[in-house]
């Protein structure tokens, strides 16, 4: 994960390093994703999310499109 100050900065970085532009999210969305993703991580009965569960979590946060596809 890389942090950028603007979409212009992202575009400049991608050109400089000849990298395709990937998925983007705000810091607020990143924080919401982290809270949802790890909310139950310390539970004794924790198990990794299935691909469908992970996809549903991304969708709830508005992270859709080809980049965000698990299944």
N, C-alpha and C. Protein backbone atom coordinates (compact mmCIF):
# COMPACT_ATOMS: atom_id res chain seq x y z
N UNK A 1 0.84 -1.16 0.00
CA UNK A 1 0.00 0.00 0.00
C UNK A 1 0.89 1.23 0.00
N UNK A 2 0.52 2.16 -0.84
CA UNK A 2 1.22 3.43 -0.91
C UNK A 2 0.25 4.55 -0.59
N UNK A 3 0.73 5.57 0.08
CA UNK A 3 -0.10 6.73 0.41
C UNK A 3 0.32 7.91 -0.47
N UNK A 4 -0.68 8.59 -1.03
CA UNK A 4 -0.43 9.75 -1.89
C UNK A 4 -1.28 10.91 -1.43
N UNK A 5 -0.84 12.11 -1.73
CA UNK A 5 -1.58 13.29 -1.28
C UNK A 5 -2.68 13.70 -2.25
N UNK A 6 -2.65 13.19 -3.49
CA UNK A 6 -3.69 13.53 -4.45
C UNK A 6 -3.66 12.54 -5.61
N UNK A 7 -4.73 12.55 -6.41
CA UNK A 7 -4.76 11.69 -7.59
C UNK A 7 -3.72 12.13 -8.61
N UNK A 8 -3.45 13.42 -8.68
CA UNK A 8 -2.39 13.93 -9.55
C UNK A 8 -1.05 13.32 -9.15
N UNK A 9 -0.79 13.23 -7.87
CA UNK A 9 0.44 12.63 -7.37
C UNK A 9 0.50 11.16 -7.74
N UNK A 10 -0.62 10.46 -7.67
CA UNK A 10 -0.68 9.04 -8.08
C UNK A 10 -0.30 8.92 -9.54
N UNK A 11 -0.92 9.73 -10.39
CA UNK A 11 -0.64 9.66 -11.83
C UNK A 11 0.83 9.94 -12.12
N UNK A 12 1.39 10.92 -11.45
CA UNK A 12 2.81 11.26 -11.66
C UNK A 12 3.71 10.09 -11.23
N UNK A 13 3.40 9.49 -10.09
CA UNK A 13 4.19 8.35 -9.60
C UNK A 13 4.11 7.18 -10.58
N UNK A 14 2.91 6.89 -11.06
CA UNK A 14 2.73 5.78 -12.01
C UNK A 14 3.54 6.01 -13.29
N UNK A 15 3.52 7.24 -13.80
CA UNK A 15 4.32 7.54 -15.00
C UNK A 15 5.80 7.39 -14.71
N UNK A 16 6.25 7.92 -13.58
CA UNK A 16 7.67 7.88 -13.24
C UNK A 16 8.19 6.45 -13.11
N UNK A 17 7.41 5.57 -12.52
CA UNK A 17 7.84 4.20 -12.28
C UNK A 17 7.27 3.20 -13.28
N UNK A 18 6.57 3.72 -14.30
CA UNK A 18 6.01 2.88 -15.35
C UNK A 18 5.16 1.75 -14.76
N UNK A 19 4.26 2.13 -13.88
CA UNK A 19 3.38 1.17 -13.20
C UNK A 19 1.93 1.51 -13.53
N UNK A 20 1.09 0.48 -13.65
CA UNK A 20 -0.33 0.76 -13.89
C UNK A 20 -0.98 1.31 -12.63
N UNK A 21 -1.99 2.08 -12.83
CA UNK A 21 -2.74 2.62 -11.69
C UNK A 21 -3.62 1.51 -11.12
N UNK A 22 -3.50 1.25 -9.85
CA UNK A 22 -4.28 0.19 -9.21
C UNK A 22 -5.50 0.76 -8.53
N UNK A 23 -5.98 0.03 -7.54
CA UNK A 23 -7.14 0.48 -6.79
C UNK A 23 -6.78 1.61 -5.84
N UNK A 24 -7.73 2.48 -5.63
CA UNK A 24 -7.50 3.60 -4.72
C UNK A 24 -8.63 3.68 -3.72
N UNK A 25 -8.29 4.13 -2.53
CA UNK A 25 -9.29 4.39 -1.49
C UNK A 25 -8.78 5.51 -0.61
N UNK A 26 -9.70 6.17 0.03
CA UNK A 26 -9.33 7.24 0.95
C UNK A 26 -8.78 6.62 2.24
N UNK A 27 -8.12 7.43 3.03
CA UNK A 27 -7.63 6.95 4.33
C UNK A 27 -8.80 6.54 5.22
N UNK A 28 -9.90 7.27 5.13
CA UNK A 28 -11.08 6.92 5.93
C UNK A 28 -11.60 5.53 5.56
N UNK A 29 -11.65 5.24 4.26
CA UNK A 29 -12.10 3.92 3.82
C UNK A 29 -11.10 2.85 4.23
N UNK A 30 -9.83 3.16 4.14
CA UNK A 30 -8.80 2.21 4.56
C UNK A 30 -8.97 1.85 6.04
N UNK A 31 -9.26 2.86 6.84
CA UNK A 31 -9.46 2.62 8.28
C UNK A 31 -10.71 1.77 8.52
N UNK A 32 -11.79 2.07 7.79
CA UNK A 32 -13.01 1.27 7.92
C UNK A 32 -12.78 -0.18 7.50
N UNK A 33 -12.01 -0.36 6.44
CA UNK A 33 -11.69 -1.71 5.98
C UNK A 33 -10.86 -2.45 7.02
N UNK A 34 -9.87 -1.81 7.57
CA UNK A 34 -9.03 -2.45 8.60
C UNK A 34 -9.87 -2.85 9.80
N UNK A 35 -10.77 -1.97 10.25
CA UNK A 35 -11.61 -2.30 11.40
C UNK A 35 -12.50 -3.49 11.11
N UNK A 36 -13.09 -3.52 9.91
CA UNK A 36 -13.96 -4.64 9.57
C UNK A 36 -13.15 -5.93 9.38
N UNK A 37 -12.03 -5.83 8.69
CA UNK A 37 -11.23 -7.00 8.36
C UNK A 37 -10.68 -7.69 9.60
N UNK A 38 -10.24 -6.90 10.58
CA UNK A 38 -9.57 -7.46 11.76
C UNK A 38 -10.43 -7.44 13.02
N UNK A 39 -11.69 -7.09 12.93
CA UNK A 39 -12.54 -6.95 14.11
C UNK A 39 -12.57 -8.21 14.97
N UNK A 40 -12.57 -9.37 14.35
CA UNK A 40 -12.69 -10.63 15.10
C UNK A 40 -11.37 -11.40 15.18
N UNK A 41 -10.29 -10.79 14.80
CA UNK A 41 -9.01 -11.50 14.67
C UNK A 41 -8.53 -12.11 15.99
N UNK A 42 -8.85 -11.54 17.11
CA UNK A 42 -8.38 -12.06 18.40
C UNK A 42 -9.36 -13.04 19.05
N UNK A 43 -10.48 -13.29 18.40
CA UNK A 43 -11.44 -14.27 18.92
C UNK A 43 -10.83 -15.67 18.89
N UNK A 44 -11.04 -16.46 19.93
CA UNK A 44 -10.49 -17.82 19.95
C UNK A 44 -10.96 -18.68 18.78
N UNK A 45 -12.15 -18.42 18.27
CA UNK A 45 -12.69 -19.22 17.17
C UNK A 45 -12.45 -18.59 15.80
N UNK A 46 -11.53 -17.64 15.71
CA UNK A 46 -11.27 -16.95 14.46
C UNK A 46 -10.88 -17.92 13.35
N UNK A 47 -11.36 -17.62 12.16
CA UNK A 47 -10.92 -18.34 10.98
C UNK A 47 -10.82 -17.33 9.84
N UNK A 48 -9.92 -17.56 8.90
CA UNK A 48 -9.77 -16.61 7.79
C UNK A 48 -11.08 -16.45 7.02
N UNK A 49 -11.26 -15.28 6.45
CA UNK A 49 -12.45 -15.03 5.65
C UNK A 49 -12.39 -15.86 4.37
N UNK A 50 -13.54 -16.33 3.95
CA UNK A 50 -13.62 -16.98 2.65
C UNK A 50 -13.53 -15.88 1.59
N UNK A 51 -13.29 -16.29 0.36
CA UNK A 51 -13.26 -15.31 -0.73
C UNK A 51 -14.58 -14.56 -0.82
N UNK A 52 -15.69 -15.26 -0.64
CA UNK A 52 -17.01 -14.60 -0.70
C UNK A 52 -17.18 -13.60 0.43
N UNK A 53 -16.73 -13.95 1.64
CA UNK A 53 -16.83 -13.03 2.77
C UNK A 53 -15.95 -11.80 2.55
N UNK A 54 -14.77 -12.01 2.02
CA UNK A 54 -13.86 -10.89 1.73
C UNK A 54 -14.48 -9.97 0.68
N UNK A 55 -15.05 -10.58 -0.37
CA UNK A 55 -15.67 -9.80 -1.43
C UNK A 55 -16.83 -8.99 -0.89
N UNK A 56 -17.62 -9.58 0.00
CA UNK A 56 -18.76 -8.87 0.59
C UNK A 56 -18.28 -7.68 1.43
N UNK A 57 -17.18 -7.85 2.16
CA UNK A 57 -16.64 -6.76 2.98
C UNK A 57 -16.20 -5.60 2.08
N UNK A 58 -15.53 -5.90 0.98
CA UNK A 58 -15.11 -4.85 0.06
C UNK A 58 -16.31 -4.13 -0.53
N UNK A 59 -17.32 -4.89 -0.90
CA UNK A 59 -18.51 -4.30 -1.50
C UNK A 59 -19.22 -3.38 -0.52
N UNK A 60 -19.32 -3.80 0.74
CA UNK A 60 -19.97 -2.94 1.76
C UNK A 60 -19.28 -1.59 1.88
N UNK A 61 -17.98 -1.57 1.62
CA UNK A 61 -17.22 -0.32 1.72
C UNK A 61 -17.15 0.44 0.40
N UNK A 62 -17.82 -0.08 -0.61
CA UNK A 62 -17.84 0.60 -1.90
C UNK A 62 -16.62 0.33 -2.76
N UNK A 63 -15.84 -0.69 -2.40
CA UNK A 63 -14.64 -1.03 -3.17
C UNK A 63 -15.06 -2.09 -4.19
N UNK A 64 -15.41 -1.61 -5.36
CA UNK A 64 -15.92 -2.47 -6.42
C UNK A 64 -15.09 -2.27 -7.68
N UNK A 65 -15.33 -3.07 -8.65
CA UNK A 65 -14.58 -2.96 -9.90
C UNK A 65 -13.57 -4.08 -10.01
N UNK A 66 -12.95 -4.16 -11.16
CA UNK A 66 -12.04 -5.28 -11.47
C UNK A 66 -10.90 -5.43 -10.45
N UNK A 67 -10.32 -4.33 -10.02
CA UNK A 67 -9.18 -4.41 -9.09
C UNK A 67 -9.55 -5.09 -7.79
N UNK A 68 -10.77 -4.93 -7.33
CA UNK A 68 -11.19 -5.40 -6.02
C UNK A 68 -11.85 -6.77 -6.06
N UNK A 69 -11.76 -7.49 -7.16
CA UNK A 69 -12.43 -8.78 -7.29
C UNK A 69 -11.61 -9.93 -6.68
N UNK A 70 -12.24 -10.68 -5.79
CA UNK A 70 -11.65 -11.90 -5.22
C UNK A 70 -12.14 -13.11 -5.99
N UNK A 71 -13.42 -13.11 -6.32
CA UNK A 71 -14.05 -14.28 -6.95
C UNK A 71 -14.57 -13.95 -8.32
